[in-house]
Amino acid sequence: MGSDARPTDKKAADRAHWPIAQFPLGEEPDDDVSAHTTPAERIAMMWPLAESAWKVARRPLPTYDRRVIPARLFRAGNPPPDDE
């Protein structure tokens, strides 16, 4: 017969290896990592989050080329149109 471990036991065991940091309430570190990371490192941190968001939304990652990205440019000093 198979293992006696229940699925919830395996989940708890998996969580035991998560990287956790504990801080007293009100003494949490600042979320701004710009002092000790480069712009390239921050962009690299963002990619797994963006990829996960597309997966959670159950939508495929966009495949369009950067030249045809669906976006609009609003120049400083000119208010965007009220079409939202």
PDB file of N, CA and C in Angstrom:
ATOM      1  N   MET A   1       0.846  -1.182   0.000  1.00  0.00           N
ATOM      2  CA  MET A   1       0.000   0.000   0.000  1.00  0.00           C
ATOM      3  C   MET A   1       0.886   1.238   0.000  1.00  0.00           C
ATOM      4  N   GLY A   2       0.331   2.403  -0.378  1.00  0.00           N
ATOM      5  CA  GLY A   2       1.083   3.648  -0.517  1.00  0.00           C
ATOM      6  C   GLY A   2       1.395   4.304   0.810  1.00  0.00           C
ATOM      7  N   SER A   3       1.910   5.482   0.744  1.00  0.00           N
ATOM      8  CA  SER A   3       2.282   6.253   1.925  1.00  0.00           C
ATOM      9  C   SER A   3       1.039   6.650   2.718  1.00  0.00           C
ATOM     10  N   ASP A   4       1.213   6.749   4.036  1.00  0.00           N
ATOM     11  CA  ASP A   4       0.107   7.166   4.901  1.00  0.00           C
ATOM     12  C   ASP A   4      -0.011   8.692   4.964  1.00  0.00           C
ATOM     13  N   ALA A   5       0.963   9.401   4.375  1.00  0.00           N
ATOM     14  CA  ALA A   5       0.941  10.871   4.428  1.00  0.00           C
ATOM     15  C   ALA A   5      -0.228  11.404   3.611  1.00  0.00           C
ATOM     16  N   ARG A   6      -0.938  12.358   4.193  1.00  0.00           N
ATOM     17  CA  ARG A   6      -2.050  12.998   3.493  1.00  0.00           C
ATOM     18  C   ARG A   6      -1.509  14.146   2.649  1.00  0.00           C
ATOM     19  N   PRO A   7      -2.261  14.576   1.621  1.00  0.00           N
ATOM     20  CA  PRO A   7      -1.806  15.708   0.792  1.00  0.00           C
ATOM     21  C   PRO A   7      -1.522  16.964   1.615  1.00  0.00           C
ATOM     22  N   THR A   8      -2.295  17.205   2.669  1.00  0.00           N
ATOM     23  CA  THR A   8      -2.064  18.399   3.493  1.00  0.00           C
ATOM     24  C   THR A   8      -0.745  18.289   4.245  1.00  0.00           C
ATOM     25  N   ASP A   9      -0.321  17.077   4.605  1.00  0.00           N
ATOM     26  CA  ASP A   9       0.969  16.888   5.270  1.00  0.00           C
ATOM     27  C   ASP A   9       2.114  17.239   4.319  1.00  0.00           C
ATOM     28  N   LYS A  10       1.982  16.855   3.062  1.00  0.00           N
ATOM     29  CA  LYS A  10       3.013  17.163   2.071  1.00  0.00           C
ATOM     30  C   LYS A  10       3.088  18.675   1.861  1.00  0.00           C
ATOM     31  N   LYS A  11       1.936  19.340   1.796  1.00  0.00           N
ATOM     32  CA  LYS A  11       1.930  20.795   1.619  1.00  0.00           C
ATOM     33  C   LYS A  11       2.626  21.477   2.792  1.00  0.00           C
ATOM     34  N   ALA A  12       2.352  21.009   4.002  1.00  0.00           N
ATOM     35  CA  ALA A  12       2.987  21.586   5.186  1.00  0.00           C
ATOM     36  C   ALA A  12       4.498  21.358   5.144  1.00  0.00           C
ATOM     37  N   ALA A  13       4.905  20.173   4.718  1.00  0.00           N
ATOM     38  CA  ALA A  13       6.338  19.879   4.620  1.00  0.00           C
ATOM     39  C   ALA A  13       6.995  20.767   3.572  1.00  0.00           C
ATOM     40  N   ASP A  14       6.309  20.986   2.444  1.00  0.00           N
ATOM     41  CA  ASP A  14       6.847  21.866   1.406  1.00  0.00           C
ATOM     42  C   ASP A  14       6.994  23.291   1.927  1.00  0.00           C
ATOM     43  N   ARG A  15       6.004  23.775   2.674  1.00  0.00           N
ATOM     44  CA  ARG A  15       6.051  25.146   3.218  1.00  0.00           C
ATOM     45  C   ARG A  15       7.184  25.320   4.214  1.00  0.00           C
ATOM     46  N   ALA A  16       7.612  24.254   4.851  1.00  0.00           N
ATOM     47  CA  ALA A  16       8.684  24.347   5.847  1.00  0.00           C
ATOM     48  C   ALA A  16       9.991  24.822   5.224  1.00  0.00           C
ATOM     49  N   HIS A  17      10.112  24.720   3.910  1.00  0.00           N
ATOM     50  CA  HIS A  17      11.343  25.132   3.224  1.00  0.00           C
ATOM     51  C   HIS A  17      11.225  26.491   2.546  1.00  0.00           C
ATOM     52  N   TRP A  18      10.111  27.179   2.715  1.00  0.00           N
ATOM     53  CA  TRP A  18       9.948  28.505   2.128  1.00  0.00           C
ATOM     54  C   TRP A  18      10.881  29.490   2.820  1.00  0.00           C
ATOM     55  N   PRO A  19      11.449  30.440   2.072  1.00  0.00           N
ATOM     56  CA  PRO A  19      12.295  31.457   2.711  1.00  0.00           C
ATOM     57  C   PRO A  19      11.413  32.493   3.422  1.00  0.00           C
ATOM     58  N   ILE A  20      11.467  32.514   4.726  1.00  0.00           N
ATOM     59  CA  ILE A  20      10.619  33.382   5.530  1.00  0.00           C
ATOM     60  C   ILE A  20      11.498  34.322   6.365  1.00  0.00           C
ATOM     61  N   ALA A  21      11.099  35.563   6.449  1.00  0.00           N
ATOM     62  CA  ALA A  21      11.766  36.526   7.326  1.00  0.00           C
ATOM     63  C   ALA A  21      10.703  37.096   8.263  1.00  0.00           C
ATOM     64  N   GLN A  22      11.016  37.191   9.520  1.00  0.00           N
ATOM     65  CA  GLN A  22      10.059  37.674  10.511  1.00  0.00           C
ATOM     66  C   GLN A  22      10.572  38.977  11.107  1.00  0.00           C
ATOM     67  N   PHE A  23       9.679  39.974  11.180  1.00  0.00           N
ATOM     68  CA  PHE A  23      10.027  41.284  11.720  1.00  0.00           C
ATOM     69  C   PHE A  23       8.945  41.714  12.694  1.00  0.00           C
ATOM     70  N   PRO A  24       9.310  42.456  13.746  1.00  0.00           N
ATOM     71  CA  PRO A  24       8.291  43.010  14.642  1.00  0.00           C
ATOM     72  C   PRO A  24       7.391  43.975  13.866  1.00  0.00           C
ATOM     73  N   LEU A  25       6.134  44.016  14.239  1.00  0.00           N
ATOM     74  CA  LEU A  25       5.171  44.893  13.590  1.00  0.00           C
ATOM     75  C   LEU A  25       5.669  46.332  13.628  1.00  0.00           C
ATOM     76  N   GLY A  26       5.660  46.974  12.472  1.00  0.00           N
ATOM     77  CA  GLY A  26       6.132  48.351  12.370  1.00  0.00           C
ATOM     78  C   GLY A  26       7.612  48.471  12.086  1.00  0.00           C
ATOM     79  N   GLU A  27       8.349  47.368  12.123  1.00  0.00           N
ATOM     80  CA  GLU A  27       9.787  47.394  11.863  1.00  0.00           C
ATOM     81  C   GLU A  27      10.155  46.635  10.591  1.00  0.00           C
ATOM     82  N   GLU A  28       9.180  46.458   9.690  1.00  0.00           N
ATOM     83  CA  GLU A  28       9.423  45.763   8.441  1.00  0.00           C
ATOM     84  C   GLU A  28      10.369  46.586   7.580  1.00  0.00           C
ATOM     85  N   PRO A  29      11.219  45.939   6.782  1.00  0.00           N
ATOM     86  CA  PRO A  29      12.111  46.705   5.904  1.00  0.00           C
ATOM     87  C   PRO A  29      11.325  47.396   4.802  1.00  0.00           C
ATOM     88  N   ASP A  30      11.901  48.442   4.267  1.00  0.00           N
ATOM     89  CA  ASP A  30      11.292  49.192   3.178  1.00  0.00           C
ATOM     90  C   ASP A  30      11.225  48.313   1.930  1.00  0.00           C
ATOM     91  N   ASP A  31      10.190  48.487   1.126  1.00  0.00           N
ATOM     92  CA  ASP A  31      10.046  47.715  -0.106  1.00  0.00           C
ATOM     93  C   ASP A  31      10.945  48.229  -1.228  1.00  0.00           C
ATOM     94  N   ASP A  32      11.546  49.375  -1.069  1.00  0.00           N
ATOM     95  CA  ASP A  32      12.385  49.966  -2.107  1.00  0.00           C
ATOM     96  C   ASP A  32      13.735  49.257  -2.139  1.00  0.00           C
ATOM     97  N   VAL A  33      13.967  48.486  -3.191  1.00  0.00           N
ATOM     98  CA  VAL A  33      15.220  47.733  -3.311  1.00  0.00           C
ATOM     99  C   VAL A  33      16.226  48.436  -4.227  1.00  0.00           C
ATOM    100  N   SER A  34      15.902  49.662  -4.654  1.00  0.00           N
ATOM    101  CA  SER A  34      16.755  50.346  -5.630  1.00  0.00           C
ATOM    102  C   SER A  34      18.150  50.681  -5.099  1.00  0.00           C
ATOM    103  N   ALA A  35      18.313  50.761  -3.788  1.00  0.00           N
ATOM    104  CA  ALA A  35      19.626  51.095  -3.232  1.00  0.00           C
ATOM    105  C   ALA A  35      20.626  49.944  -3.385  1.00  0.00           C
ATOM    106  N   HIS A  36      20.134  48.725  -3.478  1.00  0.00           N
ATOM    107  CA  HIS A  36      21.060  47.587  -3.558  1.00  0.00           C
ATOM    108  C   HIS A  36      20.780  46.638  -4.734  1.00  0.00           C
ATOM    109  N   THR A  37      20.072  47.129  -5.746  1.00  0.00           N
ATOM    110  CA  THR A  37      19.864  46.355  -6.974  1.00  0.00           C
ATOM    111  C   THR A  37      20.005  47.284  -8.180  1.00  0.00           C
ATOM    112  N   THR A  38      20.337  46.694  -9.302  1.00  0.00           N
ATOM    113  CA  THR A  38      20.445  47.465 -10.537  1.00  0.00           C
ATOM    114  C   THR A  38      19.091  47.462 -11.240  1.00  0.00           C
ATOM    115  N   PRO A  39      18.885  48.385 -12.183  1.00  0.00           N
ATOM    116  CA  PRO A  39      17.641  48.338 -12.960  1.00  0.00           C
ATOM    117  C   PRO A  39      17.438  46.980 -13.643  1.00  0.00           C
ATOM    118  N   ALA A  40      18.512  46.396 -14.162  1.00  0.00           N
ATOM    119  CA  ALA A  40      18.398  45.087 -14.818  1.00  0.00           C
ATOM    120  C   ALA A  40      17.951  44.008 -13.831  1.00  0.00           C
ATOM    121  N   GLU A  41      18.466  44.056 -12.610  1.00  0.00           N
ATOM    122  CA  GLU A  41      18.056  43.083 -11.591  1.00  0.00           C
ATOM    123  C   GLU A  41      16.585  43.257 -11.223  1.00  0.00           C
ATOM    124  N   ARG A  42      16.131  44.506 -11.152  1.00  0.00           N
ATOM    125  CA  ARG A  42      14.727  44.750 -10.804  1.00  0.00           C
ATOM    126  C   ARG A  42      13.794  44.289 -11.922  1.00  0.00           C
ATOM    127  N   ILE A  43      14.208  44.476 -13.170  1.00  0.00           N
ATOM    128  CA  ILE A  43      13.402  43.975 -14.282  1.00  0.00           C
ATOM    129  C   ILE A  43      13.362  42.456 -14.241  1.00  0.00           C
ATOM    130  N   ALA A  44      14.497  41.830 -13.936  1.00  0.00           N
ATOM    131  CA  ALA A  44      14.540  40.365 -13.835  1.00  0.00           C
ATOM    132  C   ALA A  44      13.632  39.859 -12.713  1.00  0.00           C
ATOM    133  N   MET A  45      13.523  40.614 -11.622  1.00  0.00           N
ATOM    134  CA  MET A  45      12.622  40.230 -10.522  1.00  0.00           C
ATOM    135  C   MET A  45      11.167  40.294 -10.960  1.00  0.00           C
ATOM    136  N   MET A  46      10.865  41.227 -11.842  1.00  0.00           N
ATOM    137  CA  MET A  46       9.486  41.452 -12.254  1.00  0.00           C
ATOM    138  C   MET A  46       8.961  40.359 -13.175  1.00  0.00           C
ATOM    139  N   TRP A  47       9.845  39.768 -13.995  1.00  0.00           N
ATOM    140  CA  TRP A  47       9.393  38.819 -14.996  1.00  0.00           C
ATOM    141  C   TRP A  47       8.624  37.630 -14.404  1.00  0.00           C
ATOM    142  N   PRO A  48       9.110  36.944 -13.363  1.00  0.00           N
ATOM    143  CA  PRO A  48       8.330  35.826 -12.813  1.00  0.00           C
ATOM    144  C   PRO A  48       6.953  36.263 -12.307  1.00  0.00           C
ATOM    145  N   LEU A  49       6.852  37.487 -11.803  1.00  0.00           N
ATOM    146  CA  LEU A  49       5.554  37.986 -11.341  1.00  0.00           C
ATOM    147  C   LEU A  49       4.605  38.195 -12.510  1.00  0.00           C
ATOM    148  N   ALA A  50       5.108  38.791 -13.582  1.00  0.00           N
ATOM    149  CA  ALA A  50       4.273  39.016 -14.764  1.00  0.00           C
ATOM    150  C   ALA A  50       3.838  37.684 -15.368  1.00  0.00           C
ATOM    151  N   GLU A  51       4.770  36.751 -15.459  1.00  0.00           N
ATOM    152  CA  GLU A  51       4.459  35.436 -16.022  1.00  0.00           C
ATOM    153  C   GLU A  51       3.396  34.726 -15.184  1.00  0.00           C
ATOM    154  N   SER A  52       3.524  34.804 -13.871  1.00  0.00           N
ATOM    155  CA  SER A  52       2.531  34.193 -12.980  1.00  0.00           C
ATOM    156  C   SER A  52       1.159  34.850 -13.141  1.00  0.00           C
ATOM    157  N   ALA A  53       1.143  36.165 -13.306  1.00  0.00           N
ATOM    158  CA  ALA A  53      -0.126  36.872 -13.463  1.00  0.00           C
ATOM    159  C   ALA A  53      -0.858  36.406 -14.721  1.00  0.00           C
ATOM    160  N   TRP A  54      -0.129  36.218 -15.814  1.00  0.00           N
ATOM    161  CA  TRP A  54      -0.762  35.721 -17.041  1.00  0.00           C
ATOM    162  C   TRP A  54      -1.301  34.306 -16.826  1.00  0.00           C
ATOM    163  N   LYS A  55      -0.548  33.473 -16.095  1.00  0.00           N
ATOM    164  CA  LYS A  55      -1.001  32.096 -15.832  1.00  0.00           C
ATOM    165  C   LYS A  55      -2.246  32.092 -14.958  1.00  0.00           C
ATOM    166  N   VAL A  56      -2.255  32.926 -13.920  1.00  0.00           N
ATOM    167  CA  VAL A  56      -3.421  33.001 -13.026  1.00  0.00           C
ATOM    168  C   VAL A  56      -4.650  33.464 -13.803  1.00  0.00           C
ATOM    169  N   ALA A  57      -4.443  34.391 -14.740  1.00  0.00           N
ATOM    170  CA  ALA A  57      -5.549  34.890 -15.557  1.00  0.00           C
ATOM    171  C   ALA A  57      -5.966  33.873 -16.626  1.00  0.00           C
ATOM    172  N   ARG A  58      -5.188  32.794 -16.739  1.00  0.00           N
ATOM    173  CA  ARG A  58      -5.450  31.750 -17.744  1.00  0.00           C
ATOM    174  C   ARG A  58      -5.479  32.325 -19.156  1.00  0.00           C
ATOM    175  N   ARG A  59      -4.536  33.222 -19.395  1.00  0.00           N
ATOM    176  CA  ARG A  59      -4.415  33.827 -20.717  1.00  0.00           C
ATOM    177  C   ARG A  59      -3.011  33.544 -21.240  1.00  0.00           C
ATOM    178  N   PRO A  60      -2.869  33.418 -22.545  1.00  0.00           N
ATOM    179  CA  PRO A  60      -1.530  33.171 -23.105  1.00  0.00           C
ATOM    180  C   PRO A  60      -0.672  34.432 -23.021  1.00  0.00           C
ATOM    181  N   LEU A  61       0.625  34.221 -22.908  1.00  0.00           N
ATOM    182  CA  LEU A  61       1.536  35.360 -22.934  1.00  0.00           C
ATOM    183  C   LEU A  61       1.419  36.041 -24.291  1.00  0.00           C
ATOM    184  N   PRO A  62       1.434  37.371 -24.324  1.00  0.00           N
ATOM    185  CA  PRO A  62       1.355  38.070 -25.607  1.00  0.00           C
ATOM    186  C   PRO A  62       2.542  37.700 -26.499  1.00  0.00           C
ATOM    187  N   THR A  63       2.298  37.667 -27.789  1.00  0.00           N
ATOM    188  CA  THR A  63       3.363  37.316 -28.730  1.00  0.00           C
ATOM    189  C   THR A  63       3.661  38.443 -29.716  1.00  0.00           C
ATOM    190  N   TYR A  64       3.062  39.616 -29.523  1.00  0.00           N
ATOM    191  CA  TYR A  64       3.285  40.695 -30.469  1.00  0.00           C
ATOM    192  C   TYR A  64       4.688  41.281 -30.334  1.00  0.00           C
ATOM    193  N   ASP A  65       5.141  41.853 -31.411  1.00  0.00           N
ATOM    194  CA  ASP A  65       6.443  42.492 -31.495  1.00  0.00           C
ATOM    195  C   ASP A  65       6.393  43.849 -30.784  1.00  0.00           C
ATOM    196  N   ARG A  66       7.500  44.273 -30.228  1.00  0.00           N
ATOM    197  CA  ARG A  66       7.537  45.540 -29.497  1.00  0.00           C
ATOM    198  C   ARG A  66       7.118  46.730 -30.368  1.00  0.00           C
ATOM    199  N   ARG A  67       7.385  46.668 -31.671  1.00  0.00           N
ATOM    200  CA  ARG A  67       7.022  47.762 -32.579  1.00  0.00           C
ATOM    201  C   ARG A  67       5.515  47.940 -32.701  1.00  0.00           C
ATOM    202  N   VAL A  68       4.753  46.893 -32.418  1.00  0.00           N
ATOM    203  CA  VAL A  68       3.301  46.970 -32.560  1.00  0.00           C
ATOM    204  C   VAL A  68       2.586  46.777 -31.218  1.00  0.00           C
ATOM    205  N   ILE A  69       3.288  47.026 -30.132  1.00  0.00           N
ATOM    206  CA  ILE A  69       2.708  46.857 -28.793  1.00  0.00           C
ATOM    207  C   ILE A  69       1.472  47.756 -28.651  1.00  0.00           C
ATOM    208  N   PRO A  70       0.401  47.246 -28.097  1.00  0.00           N
ATOM    209  CA  PRO A  70      -0.809  48.071 -27.945  1.00  0.00           C
ATOM    210  C   PRO A  70      -0.644  49.069 -26.797  1.00  0.00           C
ATOM    211  N   ALA A  71      -0.255  50.274 -27.150  1.00  0.00           N
ATOM    212  CA  ALA A  71      -0.032  51.306 -26.139  1.00  0.00           C
ATOM    213  C   ALA A  71      -0.284  52.683 -26.748  1.00  0.00           C
ATOM    214  N   ARG A  72      -0.463  53.670 -25.876  1.00  0.00           N
ATOM    215  CA  ARG A  72      -0.606  55.058 -26.320  1.00  0.00           C
ATOM    216  C   ARG A  72       0.362  55.908 -25.510  1.00  0.00           C
ATOM    217  N   LEU A  73       0.901  56.914 -26.149  1.00  0.00           N
ATOM    218  CA  LEU A  73       1.844  57.818 -25.511  1.00  0.00           C
ATOM    219  C   LEU A  73       1.127  59.109 -25.134  1.00  0.00           C
ATOM    220  N   PHE A  74       1.250  59.500 -23.874  1.00  0.00           N
ATOM    221  CA  PHE A  74       0.703  60.767 -23.396  1.00  0.00           C
ATOM    222  C   PHE A  74       1.881  61.624 -22.963  1.00  0.00           C
ATOM    223  N   ARG A  75       2.132  62.679 -23.683  1.00  0.00           N
ATOM    224  CA  ARG A  75       3.273  63.546 -23.389  1.00  0.00           C
ATOM    225  C   ARG A  75       2.997  64.401 -22.150  1.00  0.00           C
ATOM    226  N   ALA A  76       4.076  64.701 -21.418  1.00  0.00           N
ATOM    227  CA  ALA A  76       3.971  65.531 -20.222  1.00  0.00           C
ATOM    228  C   ALA A  76       3.366  66.882 -20.589  1.00  0.00           C
ATOM    229  N   GLY A  77       2.465  67.359 -19.757  1.00  0.00           N
ATOM    230  CA  GLY A  77       1.842  68.651 -19.982  1.00  0.00           C
ATOM    231  C   GLY A  77       0.562  68.588 -20.790  1.00  0.00           C
ATOM    232  N   ASN A  78       0.322  67.438 -21.426  1.00  0.00           N
ATOM    233  CA  ASN A  78      -0.920  67.266 -22.198  1.00  0.00           C
ATOM    234  C   ASN A  78      -1.780  66.214 -21.477  1.00  0.00           C
ATOM    235  N   PRO A  79      -2.942  66.611 -21.009  1.00  0.00           N
ATOM    236  CA  PRO A  79      -3.766  65.620 -20.296  1.00  0.00           C
ATOM    237  C   PRO A  79      -4.258  64.530 -21.251  1.00  0.00           C
ATOM    238  N   PRO A  80      -4.324  63.308 -20.781  1.00  0.00           N
ATOM    239  CA  PRO A  80      -4.843  62.238 -21.643  1.00  0.00           C
ATOM    240  C   PRO A  80      -6.310  62.466 -21.936  1.00  0.00           C
ATOM    241  N   PRO A  81      -6.801  61.959 -23.047  1.00  0.00           N
ATOM    242  CA  PRO A  81      -8.231  62.134 -23.357  1.00  0.00           C
ATOM    243  C   PRO A  81      -9.089  61.401 -22.339  1.00  0.00           C
ATOM    244  N   ASP A  82     -10.275  61.920 -22.133  1.00  0.00           N
ATOM    245  CA  ASP A  82     -11.199  61.328 -21.153  1.00  0.00           C
ATOM    246  C   ASP A  82     -12.057  60.278 -21.864  1.00  0.00           C
ATOM    247  N   ASP A  83     -11.412  59.194 -22.280  1.00  0.00           N
ATOM    248  CA  ASP A  83     -12.141  58.157 -23.012  1.00  0.00           C
ATOM    249  C   ASP A  83     -12.142  56.816 -22.287  1.00  0.00           C
ATOM    250  N   GLU A  84     -11.794  56.803 -21.046  1.00  0.00           N
ATOM    251  CA  GLU A  84     -11.743  55.538 -20.297  1.00  0.00           C
ATOM    252  C   GLU A  84     -13.056  55.325 -19.601  1.00  0.00           C
TER     253      GLU A  84
END
